[in-house]
Amino acid sequence: MTDLGLIAIGAGLAIGLAALATGFAQAKIGAAAVGAILEKPESLGTVLILLVIPETLVIFGFTVAILILFTLK
């Protein structure tokens, strides 16, 4: 394998694993959020914020992928 191929695999793993972790986290938070909103409807704003927080993992993964692609050439 060439160096460029390994760099591409590393970048793909960086964003792919971050996206998988985000999906897993949001699934667990979403299930709990539905129960919380049913019991206490005024908690909707807090629940939405808690659902958005795991998205930062994808942003970090994307940032790492971009750094890998553009600094290791």
Protein backbone atom coordinates (compact mmCIF):
# COMPACT_ATOMS: atom_id res chain seq x y z
CA MET A 1 0.00 0.00 0.00
CA THR A 2 1.17 3.46 -0.76
CA ASP A 3 1.52 6.20 1.81
CA LEU A 4 -1.38 8.11 0.26
CA GLY A 5 -3.62 5.06 0.67
CA LEU A 6 -2.74 4.72 4.35
CA ILE A 7 -3.38 8.42 4.88
CA ALA A 8 -6.83 8.06 3.27
CA ILE A 9 -7.63 5.04 5.44
CA GLY A 10 -6.59 6.96 8.56
CA ALA A 11 -8.78 9.92 7.63
CA GLY A 12 -11.70 7.63 6.87
CA LEU A 13 -11.33 5.86 10.18
CA ALA A 14 -11.14 9.17 12.03
CA ILE A 15 -14.48 10.39 10.75
CA GLY A 16 -16.15 6.99 10.49
CA LEU A 17 -15.48 5.92 14.06
CA ALA A 18 -16.49 9.35 15.34
CA ALA A 19 -19.78 9.08 13.45
CA LEU A 20 -20.44 5.60 14.85
CA ALA A 21 -19.79 6.79 18.39
CA THR A 22 -22.10 9.75 17.86
CA GLY A 23 -24.87 7.52 16.55
CA PHE A 24 -24.55 5.19 19.52
CA ALA A 25 -24.61 8.08 21.99
CA GLN A 26 -27.57 9.79 20.34
CA ALA A 27 -29.55 6.54 20.31
CA LYS A 28 -29.16 6.15 24.07
CA ILE A 29 -29.83 9.84 24.76
CA GLY A 30 -32.82 9.89 22.41
CA ALA A 31 -34.48 6.95 24.12
CA ALA A 32 -34.05 8.57 27.52
CA ALA A 33 -35.17 11.94 26.14
CA VAL A 34 -38.53 10.61 24.98
CA GLY A 35 -39.25 9.29 28.46
CA ALA A 36 -38.14 12.54 30.07
CA ILE A 37 -40.33 14.66 27.78
CA LEU A 38 -43.35 12.43 28.43
CA GLU A 39 -42.96 12.85 32.17
CA LYS A 40 -41.97 16.52 32.15
CA PRO A 41 -42.78 18.38 28.88
CA GLU A 42 -41.06 21.59 30.00
CA SER A 43 -37.68 19.80 29.78
CA LEU A 44 -37.72 19.94 25.97
CA GLY A 45 -35.05 22.66 25.73
CA THR A 46 -32.63 20.79 27.98
CA VAL A 47 -33.21 17.55 26.09
CA LEU A 48 -32.49 19.21 22.75
CA ILE A 49 -29.21 20.58 24.07
CA LEU A 50 -28.25 17.13 25.36
CA LEU A 51 -29.03 15.63 21.93
CA VAL A 52 -26.78 18.14 20.17
CA ILE A 53 -23.72 17.67 22.41
CA PRO A 54 -22.60 14.33 20.86
CA GLU A 55 -22.50 16.00 17.43
CA THR A 56 -19.27 17.64 18.51
CA LEU A 57 -17.64 14.20 18.19
CA VAL A 58 -18.30 14.26 14.44
CA ILE A 59 -16.91 17.78 14.19
CA PHE A 60 -13.75 16.67 16.00
CA GLY A 61 -13.47 13.59 13.77
CA PHE A 62 -13.89 15.75 10.67
CA THR A 63 -11.22 18.14 11.94
CA VAL A 64 -8.80 15.29 12.58
CA ALA A 65 -9.52 13.83 9.12
CA ILE A 66 -8.80 17.18 7.46
CA LEU A 67 -5.58 17.54 9.46
CA ILE A 68 -4.51 14.03 8.46
CA LEU A 69 -5.23 14.66 4.78
CA PHE A 70 -3.55 18.02 4.49
CA THR A 71 -0.58 17.76 6.85
CA LEU A 72 0.71 14.27 6.07
CA LYS A 73 1.13 14.64 2.30
